Amino acid sequence: MGMLAMVACQASAPWQHGEWLDLSHDFAADTIYWPTADGFELETVADGETSGGYYYSAKNFAGAEHGGTHIDAPVHFARGGTTVDRIPVDHLVGPAVVVDVTEQAAANRDYQVSVADFEAFEAAHGRIPRGAIVLLYTGMARYWPDAERYMGTAARGEEAVPQLHFPGLDREAALWLATKREIHAVGLDTPSIDYGQSRLFHSHRVLFAAGIPAFENVAGLDRMPPTGATVIALPMKIRGGTGGPLRIIAWLP
């Protein structure tokens, strides 16, 4: 076996026995964005046979940083915070912790994940490890891409914001994660780390002041175990960006 083949074999060995999961919604005309944000657009530039006799296709895309499955960089709510291109790569990879609050969210669309939820998780599954990526499973992704069912309204513009209803992370729970556990990121299957009726975005502010990014509109958490998976969450590397589209995947050994 040649040296390059040997290196390739060794590099792939850790991924031989398990399953990859895609935790990302795709981007299309029906992708859900915040009511005040520009939606996703895909424009065809070329699609067909060229004068040279070969097929060629190309498109332009546009949209707000914060829509679909995406990352919020700390600078989004923290003056001088880290921009999306400067988030350390090792903070975008880590052991997954999936906290299931589907029962609470089913009973209350405005549910806020609490410190008690994290304490209950740890009582059942052990302490949240250092460098963890904490994912909050509310069950809301089952409504995607129906904006009204997913986030409470399909209306657009500022007047739609008071109509938003979906679960999020409580301020005290955000503070607990930021100060009591050494986590790398938080994600969830709703449009915002703060619940829909938030007006001051406390959880954004607490997490981002601590340099902890957030992943929003995550998909597929119903297939994730509470512990044992590894998450890789790589955003578009936008220089100076406050966020951007995110491809988040998980490895289940």
Foldseek 3Di string as FASTA:
>chain_A
DDPVVVVVCVVCVVQPDFDKFWFFDDADPLWDFAQAWFHKDKAWPAAAADPVGDTDTDIDMDTDFQTGWKKFFLVNQDPVFDAQLPQDQLLQKDWEAEQEPQVVCVVFQAAADDPVSQVVSCVVPNDQAAAYEYEYENPLLVCPPPCCSNFNDPHHDPVCQQRGTHYAHDLVNLLCCLPVGNYSEYEYQHSDNHGSNDDPNNSSNNCSVSRYMYTYNTHDPVVDDRTQKMKHKDFDNDVRHSMHHITMMIIHD
